[in-house]
């Protein structure tokens, strides 16, 4: 497993543009709230750390990860945003429900991104168990919310650079 021995949330080896001029949406699933709240904190703090203005970050909750693409679509339809970050957590259970939800969320996220030509970031943990989720929401493998925020900043910068 590629993440077994490293913290993926370390961006000291790369340059991150300033987020000061960008507007971000964050859509957070309420299901698995302890995990998604940790992801949210990581994303929000990372945006602020890289210069995003408080008034340019719009946060909304949706019931679960399945609703993340719809939430992103509603945000992009109603706000002028440079990127949307979708944060959720789906933990494998005993049924195939996990597969259907993960596939739907991944496909929905990319479809919304392509529909609006805006970055919609997949910050959804898809883990086998609670421990793996904990490890990726501020644990030994970092915080996927931080990674999603950095991705949003870099993609907003890319769009701005190419559209100028």
N, C-alpha and C. Protein backbone atom coordinates (compact mmCIF):
# COMPACT_ATOMS: atom_id res chain seq x y z
N UNK A 1 0.84 -1.18 0.00
CA UNK A 1 0.00 0.00 0.00
C UNK A 1 0.89 1.24 0.00
N UNK A 2 0.62 2.16 -0.90
CA UNK A 2 1.50 3.32 -1.08
C UNK A 2 1.48 4.29 0.09
N UNK A 3 0.39 4.36 0.83
CA UNK A 3 0.31 5.32 1.93
C UNK A 3 0.76 4.73 3.26
N UNK A 4 1.16 3.49 3.26
CA UNK A 4 1.44 2.80 4.52
C UNK A 4 2.50 3.50 5.36
N UNK A 5 3.52 4.07 4.72
CA UNK A 5 4.63 4.61 5.49
C UNK A 5 4.80 6.11 5.37
N UNK A 6 3.81 6.82 4.84
CA UNK A 6 4.01 8.26 4.71
C UNK A 6 2.77 9.07 5.02
N UNK A 7 3.03 10.31 5.39
CA UNK A 7 1.98 11.28 5.65
C UNK A 7 1.78 12.05 4.36
N UNK A 8 0.64 11.88 3.72
CA UNK A 8 0.39 12.50 2.43
C UNK A 8 0.06 13.98 2.52
N UNK A 9 -0.14 14.49 3.72
CA UNK A 9 -0.51 15.89 3.90
C UNK A 9 0.68 16.82 4.06
N UNK A 10 1.87 16.36 3.75
CA UNK A 10 3.08 17.16 3.83
C UNK A 10 3.33 17.82 2.47
N UNK A 11 3.17 19.13 2.41
CA UNK A 11 3.36 19.86 1.16
C UNK A 11 4.61 20.73 1.20
N UNK A 12 5.55 20.39 2.07
CA UNK A 12 6.77 21.19 2.20
C UNK A 12 7.67 21.07 0.97
N UNK A 13 7.45 20.05 0.16
CA UNK A 13 8.26 19.82 -1.03
C UNK A 13 7.70 20.50 -2.28
N UNK A 14 6.59 21.19 -2.15
CA UNK A 14 5.94 21.78 -3.31
C UNK A 14 5.49 23.20 -3.01
N UNK A 15 5.32 23.96 -4.05
CA UNK A 15 4.87 25.34 -3.91
C UNK A 15 3.35 25.39 -3.99
N UNK A 16 2.74 26.13 -3.08
CA UNK A 16 1.29 26.31 -3.08
C UNK A 16 1.01 27.79 -3.31
N UNK A 17 0.24 28.10 -4.36
CA UNK A 17 -0.07 29.51 -4.64
C UNK A 17 -0.91 30.13 -3.53
N UNK A 18 -0.94 31.44 -3.50
CA UNK A 18 -1.79 32.14 -2.54
C UNK A 18 -3.26 31.92 -2.91
N UNK A 19 -4.08 31.71 -1.91
CA UNK A 19 -5.51 31.52 -2.11
C UNK A 19 -6.30 32.81 -1.92
N UNK A 20 -5.61 33.92 -1.74
CA UNK A 20 -6.26 35.18 -1.36
C UNK A 20 -7.32 35.67 -2.34
N UNK A 21 -7.15 35.41 -3.61
CA UNK A 21 -8.08 35.96 -4.60
C UNK A 21 -9.20 34.99 -4.98
N UNK A 22 -9.23 33.83 -4.37
CA UNK A 22 -10.19 32.80 -4.78
C UNK A 22 -11.36 32.67 -3.82
N UNK A 23 -12.45 32.15 -4.37
CA UNK A 23 -13.67 31.86 -3.60
C UNK A 23 -13.86 30.34 -3.61
N UNK A 24 -14.07 29.78 -2.43
CA UNK A 24 -14.18 28.34 -2.28
C UNK A 24 -15.51 27.94 -1.66
N UNK A 25 -16.03 26.82 -2.12
CA UNK A 25 -17.15 26.18 -1.46
C UNK A 25 -16.64 24.91 -0.81
N UNK A 26 -17.17 24.61 0.35
CA UNK A 26 -16.87 23.34 1.01
C UNK A 26 -18.20 22.69 1.33
N UNK A 27 -18.39 21.47 0.83
CA UNK A 27 -19.59 20.70 1.10
C UNK A 27 -19.16 19.52 1.96
N UNK A 28 -19.78 19.40 3.13
CA UNK A 28 -19.38 18.40 4.12
C UNK A 28 -20.54 17.45 4.42
N UNK A 29 -20.27 16.16 4.32
CA UNK A 29 -21.27 15.15 4.67
C UNK A 29 -21.42 15.07 6.19
N UNK A 30 -22.65 14.98 6.65
CA UNK A 30 -22.93 14.85 8.08
C UNK A 30 -22.73 13.42 8.57
N UNK A 31 -22.85 12.44 7.67
CA UNK A 31 -22.67 11.05 8.04
C UNK A 31 -21.20 10.81 8.38
N UNK A 32 -20.92 10.04 9.42
CA UNK A 32 -19.56 9.85 9.95
C UNK A 32 -18.98 11.20 10.37
N UNK A 33 -19.77 11.94 11.14
CA UNK A 33 -19.47 13.33 11.49
C UNK A 33 -18.12 13.53 12.17
N UNK A 34 -17.71 12.62 13.03
CA UNK A 34 -16.41 12.81 13.69
C UNK A 34 -15.28 12.87 12.66
N UNK A 35 -15.37 12.05 11.65
CA UNK A 35 -14.36 12.03 10.59
C UNK A 35 -14.52 13.24 9.68
N UNK A 36 -15.74 13.51 9.22
CA UNK A 36 -15.93 14.61 8.26
C UNK A 36 -15.65 15.96 8.90
N UNK A 37 -15.92 16.10 10.20
CA UNK A 37 -15.58 17.35 10.88
C UNK A 37 -14.07 17.55 10.93
N UNK A 38 -13.33 16.47 11.15
CA UNK A 38 -11.86 16.56 11.15
C UNK A 38 -11.34 16.91 9.76
N UNK A 39 -11.96 16.34 8.73
CA UNK A 39 -11.57 16.67 7.36
C UNK A 39 -11.85 18.15 7.08
N UNK A 40 -13.03 18.60 7.53
CA UNK A 40 -13.41 20.00 7.34
C UNK A 40 -12.41 20.94 8.02
N UNK A 41 -12.09 20.65 9.27
CA UNK A 41 -11.13 21.50 10.00
C UNK A 41 -9.80 21.58 9.24
N UNK A 42 -9.33 20.44 8.75
CA UNK A 42 -8.09 20.42 7.99
C UNK A 42 -8.18 21.26 6.72
N UNK A 43 -9.28 21.12 5.99
CA UNK A 43 -9.46 21.88 4.75
C UNK A 43 -9.57 23.37 5.03
N UNK A 44 -10.43 23.73 5.97
CA UNK A 44 -10.67 25.13 6.29
C UNK A 44 -9.38 25.81 6.76
N UNK A 45 -8.70 25.20 7.71
CA UNK A 45 -7.46 25.78 8.24
C UNK A 45 -6.39 25.90 7.16
N UNK A 46 -6.35 24.93 6.26
CA UNK A 46 -5.37 24.97 5.18
C UNK A 46 -5.66 26.11 4.21
N UNK A 47 -6.94 26.32 3.89
CA UNK A 47 -7.30 27.44 3.02
C UNK A 47 -6.89 28.76 3.65
N UNK A 48 -7.19 28.93 4.94
CA UNK A 48 -6.84 30.16 5.65
C UNK A 48 -5.32 30.32 5.71
N UNK A 49 -4.63 29.25 6.02
CA UNK A 49 -3.16 29.28 6.10
C UNK A 49 -2.52 29.72 4.79
N UNK A 50 -3.19 29.42 3.67
CA UNK A 50 -2.65 29.79 2.37
C UNK A 50 -3.28 31.07 1.81
N UNK A 51 -3.92 31.84 2.69
CA UNK A 51 -4.34 33.19 2.32
C UNK A 51 -5.80 33.39 1.97
N UNK A 52 -6.61 32.34 1.97
CA UNK A 52 -8.02 32.52 1.65
C UNK A 52 -8.67 33.44 2.68
N UNK A 53 -9.56 34.29 2.23
CA UNK A 53 -10.27 35.20 3.12
C UNK A 53 -11.50 34.49 3.70
N UNK A 54 -11.75 34.74 4.97
CA UNK A 54 -12.89 34.10 5.64
C UNK A 54 -14.19 34.29 4.87
N UNK A 55 -14.39 35.49 4.38
CA UNK A 55 -15.64 35.79 3.68
C UNK A 55 -15.73 35.16 2.30
N UNK A 56 -14.65 34.52 1.84
CA UNK A 56 -14.65 33.87 0.54
C UNK A 56 -14.71 32.35 0.64
N UNK A 57 -15.06 31.85 1.82
CA UNK A 57 -15.21 30.41 2.02
C UNK A 57 -16.66 30.16 2.43
N UNK A 58 -17.36 29.38 1.64
CA UNK A 58 -18.77 29.07 1.87
C UNK A 58 -18.90 27.60 2.22
N UNK A 59 -19.40 27.32 3.41
CA UNK A 59 -19.50 25.95 3.89
C UNK A 59 -20.95 25.54 4.04
N UNK A 60 -21.26 24.35 3.54
CA UNK A 60 -22.61 23.80 3.64
C UNK A 60 -22.53 22.32 3.96
N UNK A 61 -23.50 21.85 4.73
CA UNK A 61 -23.59 20.43 5.08
C UNK A 61 -24.64 19.75 4.23
N UNK A 62 -24.41 18.49 3.95
CA UNK A 62 -25.40 17.63 3.30
C UNK A 62 -25.51 16.36 4.14
N UNK A 63 -26.61 15.62 4.02
CA UNK A 63 -26.81 14.47 4.89
C UNK A 63 -25.70 13.40 4.83
N UNK A 64 -25.27 13.05 3.64
CA UNK A 64 -24.26 12.00 3.51
C UNK A 64 -23.38 12.22 2.30
N UNK A 65 -22.45 11.32 2.08
CA UNK A 65 -21.53 11.44 0.96
C UNK A 65 -22.24 11.37 -0.39
N UNK A 66 -23.31 10.59 -0.47
CA UNK A 66 -24.07 10.47 -1.71
C UNK A 66 -24.56 11.83 -2.19
N UNK A 67 -24.87 12.73 -1.26
CA UNK A 67 -25.41 14.05 -1.60
C UNK A 67 -24.33 15.09 -1.91
N UNK A 68 -23.06 14.75 -1.79
CA UNK A 68 -21.99 15.71 -2.04
C UNK A 68 -22.02 16.30 -3.46
N UNK A 69 -22.14 15.48 -4.51
CA UNK A 69 -22.19 16.07 -5.86
C UNK A 69 -23.37 17.03 -6.05
N UNK A 70 -24.52 16.67 -5.50
CA UNK A 70 -25.68 17.55 -5.60
C UNK A 70 -25.42 18.86 -4.87
N UNK A 71 -24.82 18.77 -3.68
CA UNK A 71 -24.47 19.97 -2.93
C UNK A 71 -23.51 20.85 -3.70
N UNK A 72 -22.51 20.24 -4.34
CA UNK A 72 -21.55 21.00 -5.14
C UNK A 72 -22.25 21.67 -6.32
N UNK A 73 -23.17 20.95 -6.94
CA UNK A 73 -23.91 21.50 -8.07
C UNK A 73 -24.73 22.71 -7.64
N UNK A 74 -25.42 22.61 -6.52
CA UNK A 74 -26.23 23.72 -6.01
C UNK A 74 -25.34 24.92 -5.69
N UNK A 75 -24.20 24.67 -5.07
CA UNK A 75 -23.27 25.77 -4.76
C UNK A 75 -22.80 26.47 -6.03
N UNK A 76 -22.36 25.70 -7.01
CA UNK A 76 -21.84 26.30 -8.24
C UNK A 76 -22.92 27.03 -9.03
N UNK A 77 -24.14 26.59 -8.89
CA UNK A 77 -25.27 27.25 -9.57
C UNK A 77 -25.60 28.59 -8.91
N UNK A 78 -25.33 28.72 -7.61
CA UNK A 78 -25.79 29.88 -6.84
C UNK A 78 -24.69 30.79 -6.31
N UNK A 79 -23.45 30.44 -6.47
CA UNK A 79 -22.34 31.26 -5.97
C UNK A 79 -21.25 31.34 -7.03
N UNK A 80 -20.54 32.44 -7.04
CA UNK A 80 -19.37 32.57 -7.92
C UNK A 80 -18.18 31.98 -7.17
N UNK A 81 -17.81 30.76 -7.55
CA UNK A 81 -16.74 30.06 -6.86
C UNK A 81 -15.64 29.66 -7.82
N UNK A 82 -14.45 29.55 -7.30
CA UNK A 82 -13.32 29.09 -8.11
C UNK A 82 -13.09 27.60 -7.96
N UNK A 83 -13.55 27.02 -6.85
CA UNK A 83 -13.43 25.58 -6.62
C UNK A 83 -14.37 25.17 -5.50
N UNK A 84 -14.78 23.91 -5.54
CA UNK A 84 -15.60 23.34 -4.48
C UNK A 84 -14.88 22.09 -3.96
N UNK A 85 -14.85 21.96 -2.65
CA UNK A 85 -14.24 20.81 -1.99
C UNK A 85 -15.37 19.96 -1.41
N UNK A 86 -15.42 18.69 -1.79
CA UNK A 86 -16.41 17.76 -1.25
C UNK A 86 -15.72 16.87 -0.22
N UNK A 87 -16.24 16.87 1.00
CA UNK A 87 -15.64 16.10 2.09
C UNK A 87 -16.64 15.09 2.65
N UNK A 88 -16.23 13.83 2.66
CA UNK A 88 -17.09 12.79 3.19
C UNK A 88 -16.29 11.58 3.60
N UNK A 89 -17.00 10.59 4.11
CA UNK A 89 -16.36 9.35 4.55
C UNK A 89 -17.34 8.20 4.39
N UNK A 90 -16.93 7.19 3.62
CA UNK A 90 -17.73 5.98 3.45
C UNK A 90 -16.87 4.82 3.95
N UNK A 91 -17.38 4.13 4.96
CA UNK A 91 -16.64 3.01 5.54
C UNK A 91 -17.31 1.70 5.12
N UNK A 92 -16.49 0.78 4.63
CA UNK A 92 -16.99 -0.52 4.15
C UNK A 92 -17.84 -1.21 5.21
N UNK A 93 -18.97 -1.70 4.77
CA UNK A 93 -19.84 -2.48 5.67
C UNK A 93 -19.95 -3.90 5.15
N UNK A 94 -21.01 -4.57 5.52
CA UNK A 94 -21.19 -5.96 5.14
C UNK A 94 -21.91 -6.13 3.81
N UNK A 95 -22.41 -5.04 3.23
CA UNK A 95 -23.15 -5.15 1.97
C UNK A 95 -22.43 -4.39 0.86
N UNK A 96 -22.95 -4.48 -0.34
CA UNK A 96 -22.35 -3.79 -1.50
C UNK A 96 -22.72 -2.31 -1.53
N UNK A 97 -23.46 -1.83 -0.57
CA UNK A 97 -23.85 -0.43 -0.48
C UNK A 97 -22.62 0.47 -0.63
N UNK A 98 -21.52 0.10 0.00
CA UNK A 98 -20.26 0.84 -0.07
C UNK A 98 -19.85 1.10 -1.52
N UNK A 99 -19.87 0.04 -2.34
CA UNK A 99 -19.45 0.16 -3.74
C UNK A 99 -20.34 1.12 -4.51
N UNK A 100 -21.65 1.01 -4.31
CA UNK A 100 -22.57 1.88 -5.03
C UNK A 100 -22.39 3.34 -4.63
N UNK A 101 -22.25 3.60 -3.35
CA UNK A 101 -22.09 4.98 -2.88
C UNK A 101 -20.79 5.57 -3.39
N UNK A 102 -19.69 4.85 -3.23
CA UNK A 102 -18.38 5.37 -3.66
C UNK A 102 -18.36 5.66 -5.15
N UNK A 103 -18.89 4.75 -5.95
CA UNK A 103 -18.92 4.94 -7.40
C UNK A 103 -19.79 6.15 -7.76
N UNK A 104 -20.96 6.25 -7.15
CA UNK A 104 -21.86 7.37 -7.45
C UNK A 104 -21.23 8.71 -7.07
N UNK A 105 -20.58 8.77 -5.93
CA UNK A 105 -19.98 10.04 -5.49
C UNK A 105 -18.81 10.42 -6.40
N UNK A 106 -17.97 9.47 -6.74
CA UNK A 106 -16.84 9.77 -7.62
C UNK A 106 -17.32 10.23 -8.99
N UNK A 107 -18.28 9.51 -9.57
CA UNK A 107 -18.81 9.91 -10.88
C UNK A 107 -19.54 11.24 -10.81
N UNK A 108 -20.33 11.42 -9.76
CA UNK A 108 -21.06 12.68 -9.60
C UNK A 108 -20.14 13.87 -9.45
N UNK A 109 -19.07 13.69 -8.71
CA UNK A 109 -18.11 14.78 -8.49
C UNK A 109 -17.48 15.22 -9.80
N UNK A 110 -17.00 14.28 -10.59
CA UNK A 110 -16.37 14.66 -11.86
C UNK A 110 -17.40 15.24 -12.83
N UNK A 111 -18.63 14.73 -12.80
CA UNK A 111 -19.66 15.26 -13.69
C UNK A 111 -19.99 16.72 -13.37
N UNK A 112 -20.07 17.06 -12.09
CA UNK A 112 -20.33 18.45 -11.71
C UNK A 112 -19.15 19.33 -12.12
N UNK A 113 -17.96 18.84 -11.92
CA UNK A 113 -16.77 19.60 -12.31
C UNK A 113 -16.78 19.90 -13.81
N UNK A 114 -17.08 18.91 -14.60
CA UNK A 114 -17.10 19.10 -16.06
C UNK A 114 -18.28 19.98 -16.49
N UNK A 115 -19.41 19.85 -15.82
CA UNK A 115 -20.60 20.66 -16.15
C UNK A 115 -20.30 22.15 -16.02
N UNK A 116 -19.59 22.53 -14.97
CA UNK A 116 -19.33 23.95 -14.70
C UNK A 116 -17.93 24.40 -15.10
N UNK A 117 -17.10 23.48 -15.57
CA UNK A 117 -15.69 23.78 -15.87
C UNK A 117 -15.00 24.43 -14.67
N UNK A 118 -15.28 23.87 -13.51
CA UNK A 118 -14.69 24.34 -12.24
C UNK A 118 -14.15 23.12 -11.51
N UNK A 119 -13.08 23.29 -10.76
CA UNK A 119 -12.58 22.18 -9.97
C UNK A 119 -13.56 21.80 -8.85
N UNK A 120 -13.93 20.54 -8.82
CA UNK A 120 -14.73 19.99 -7.73
C UNK A 120 -13.88 18.85 -7.17
N UNK A 121 -13.42 19.03 -5.97
CA UNK A 121 -12.39 18.16 -5.40
C UNK A 121 -13.01 17.02 -4.61
N UNK A 122 -12.55 15.81 -4.87
CA UNK A 122 -13.01 14.59 -4.22
C UNK A 122 -12.21 14.37 -2.95
N UNK A 123 -12.72 14.87 -1.84
CA UNK A 123 -12.07 14.69 -0.54
C UNK A 123 -12.87 13.69 0.29
N UNK A 124 -13.12 12.54 -0.31
CA UNK A 124 -13.96 11.53 0.33
C UNK A 124 -13.10 10.33 0.70
N UNK A 125 -13.10 9.98 1.96
CA UNK A 125 -12.41 8.78 2.39
C UNK A 125 -13.27 7.57 2.05
N UNK A 126 -12.66 6.56 1.46
CA UNK A 126 -13.34 5.31 1.14
C UNK A 126 -12.52 4.20 1.78
N UNK A 127 -12.83 3.89 3.02
CA UNK A 127 -11.96 3.03 3.82
C UNK A 127 -12.63 1.70 4.15
N UNK A 128 -11.79 0.74 4.54
CA UNK A 128 -12.28 -0.57 4.95
C UNK A 128 -12.81 -0.58 6.37
N UNK A 129 -12.31 0.36 7.20
CA UNK A 129 -12.70 0.34 8.61
C UNK A 129 -12.50 1.72 9.25
N UNK A 130 -12.97 1.84 10.46
CA UNK A 130 -12.90 3.11 11.19
C UNK A 130 -11.45 3.55 11.42
N UNK A 131 -10.56 2.62 11.71
CA UNK A 131 -9.17 2.98 11.98
C UNK A 131 -8.53 3.63 10.75
N UNK A 132 -8.78 3.09 9.57
CA UNK A 132 -8.24 3.70 8.36
C UNK A 132 -8.78 5.11 8.17
N UNK A 133 -10.04 5.32 8.50
CA UNK A 133 -10.63 6.66 8.40
C UNK A 133 -9.95 7.61 9.39
N UNK A 134 -9.78 7.15 10.63
CA UNK A 134 -9.11 7.97 11.64
C UNK A 134 -7.69 8.32 11.21
N UNK A 135 -6.99 7.35 10.63
CA UNK A 135 -5.61 7.57 10.20
C UNK A 135 -5.50 8.63 9.10
N UNK A 136 -6.59 8.84 8.34
CA UNK A 136 -6.57 9.76 7.21
C UNK A 136 -7.33 11.06 7.49
N UNK A 137 -7.82 11.20 8.69
CA UNK A 137 -8.54 12.41 9.09
C UNK A 137 -7.81 13.08 10.25
N UNK A 138 -6.50 13.19 10.10
CA UNK A 138 -5.67 13.82 11.13
C UNK A 138 -4.77 12.85 11.84
N UNK A 139 -4.80 11.58 11.45
CA UNK A 139 -3.97 10.56 12.08
C UNK A 139 -2.63 10.40 11.38
N UNK A 140 -2.11 9.19 11.44
CA UNK A 140 -0.75 8.94 10.96
C UNK A 140 -0.55 9.13 9.46
N UNK A 141 -1.62 9.15 8.69
CA UNK A 141 -1.49 9.38 7.26
C UNK A 141 -1.89 10.81 6.86
N UNK A 142 -1.96 11.69 7.84
CA UNK A 142 -2.28 13.09 7.55
C UNK A 142 -3.77 13.35 7.57
N UNK A 143 -4.18 14.36 6.83
CA UNK A 143 -5.58 14.77 6.79
C UNK A 143 -5.98 15.00 5.35
N UNK A 144 -6.86 14.15 4.84
CA UNK A 144 -7.33 14.26 3.46
C UNK A 144 -7.98 15.61 3.21
N UNK A 145 -8.53 16.26 4.23
CA UNK A 145 -9.10 17.60 4.07
C UNK A 145 -8.04 18.62 3.69
N UNK A 146 -6.86 18.51 4.29
CA UNK A 146 -5.74 19.38 3.93
C UNK A 146 -5.37 19.15 2.47
N UNK A 147 -5.26 17.89 2.09
CA UNK A 147 -4.90 17.56 0.71
C UNK A 147 -5.94 18.11 -0.28
N UNK A 148 -7.22 18.00 0.08
CA UNK A 148 -8.28 18.50 -0.78
C UNK A 148 -8.20 20.02 -0.93
N UNK A 149 -7.90 20.72 0.16
CA UNK A 149 -7.78 22.18 0.09
C UNK A 149 -6.60 22.60 -0.78
N UNK A 150 -5.47 21.94 -0.64
CA UNK A 150 -4.30 22.27 -1.46
C UNK A 150 -4.62 22.00 -2.93
N UNK A 151 -5.31 20.90 -3.19
CA UNK A 151 -5.71 20.59 -4.56
C UNK A 151 -6.62 21.68 -5.11
N UNK A 152 -7.57 22.14 -4.30
CA UNK A 152 -8.49 23.19 -4.74
C UNK A 152 -7.73 24.47 -5.08
N UNK A 153 -6.80 24.84 -4.25
CA UNK A 153 -6.00 26.06 -4.49
C UNK A 153 -5.21 25.91 -5.80
N UNK A 154 -4.54 24.78 -5.94
CA UNK A 154 -3.72 24.57 -7.14
C UNK A 154 -4.56 24.53 -8.41
N UNK A 155 -5.74 23.93 -8.32
CA UNK A 155 -6.60 23.85 -9.51
C UNK A 155 -7.22 25.21 -9.83
N UNK A 156 -7.58 25.98 -8.81
CA UNK A 156 -8.09 27.34 -9.05
C UNK A 156 -7.01 28.19 -9.71
N UNK A 157 -5.79 28.04 -9.23
CA UNK A 157 -4.66 28.76 -9.82
C UNK A 157 -4.44 28.34 -11.27
N UNK A 158 -4.50 27.04 -11.53
CA UNK A 158 -4.33 26.55 -12.91
C UNK A 158 -5.40 27.15 -13.82
N UNK A 159 -6.66 27.12 -13.38
CA UNK A 159 -7.75 27.68 -14.19
C UNK A 159 -7.53 29.16 -14.45
N UNK A 160 -7.14 29.89 -13.42
CA UNK A 160 -6.89 31.33 -13.56
C UNK A 160 -5.74 31.59 -14.54
N UNK A 161 -4.69 30.83 -14.40
CA UNK A 161 -3.50 30.99 -15.25
C UNK A 161 -3.84 30.73 -16.72
N UNK A 162 -4.61 29.69 -16.99
CA UNK A 162 -4.92 29.34 -18.36
C UNK A 162 -6.02 30.21 -18.95
N UNK A 163 -6.85 30.79 -18.11
CA UNK A 163 -7.95 31.64 -18.59
C UNK A 163 -7.55 33.09 -18.75
N UNK A 164 -6.32 33.45 -18.35
CA UNK A 164 -5.90 34.87 -18.46
C UNK A 164 -5.43 35.20 -19.84
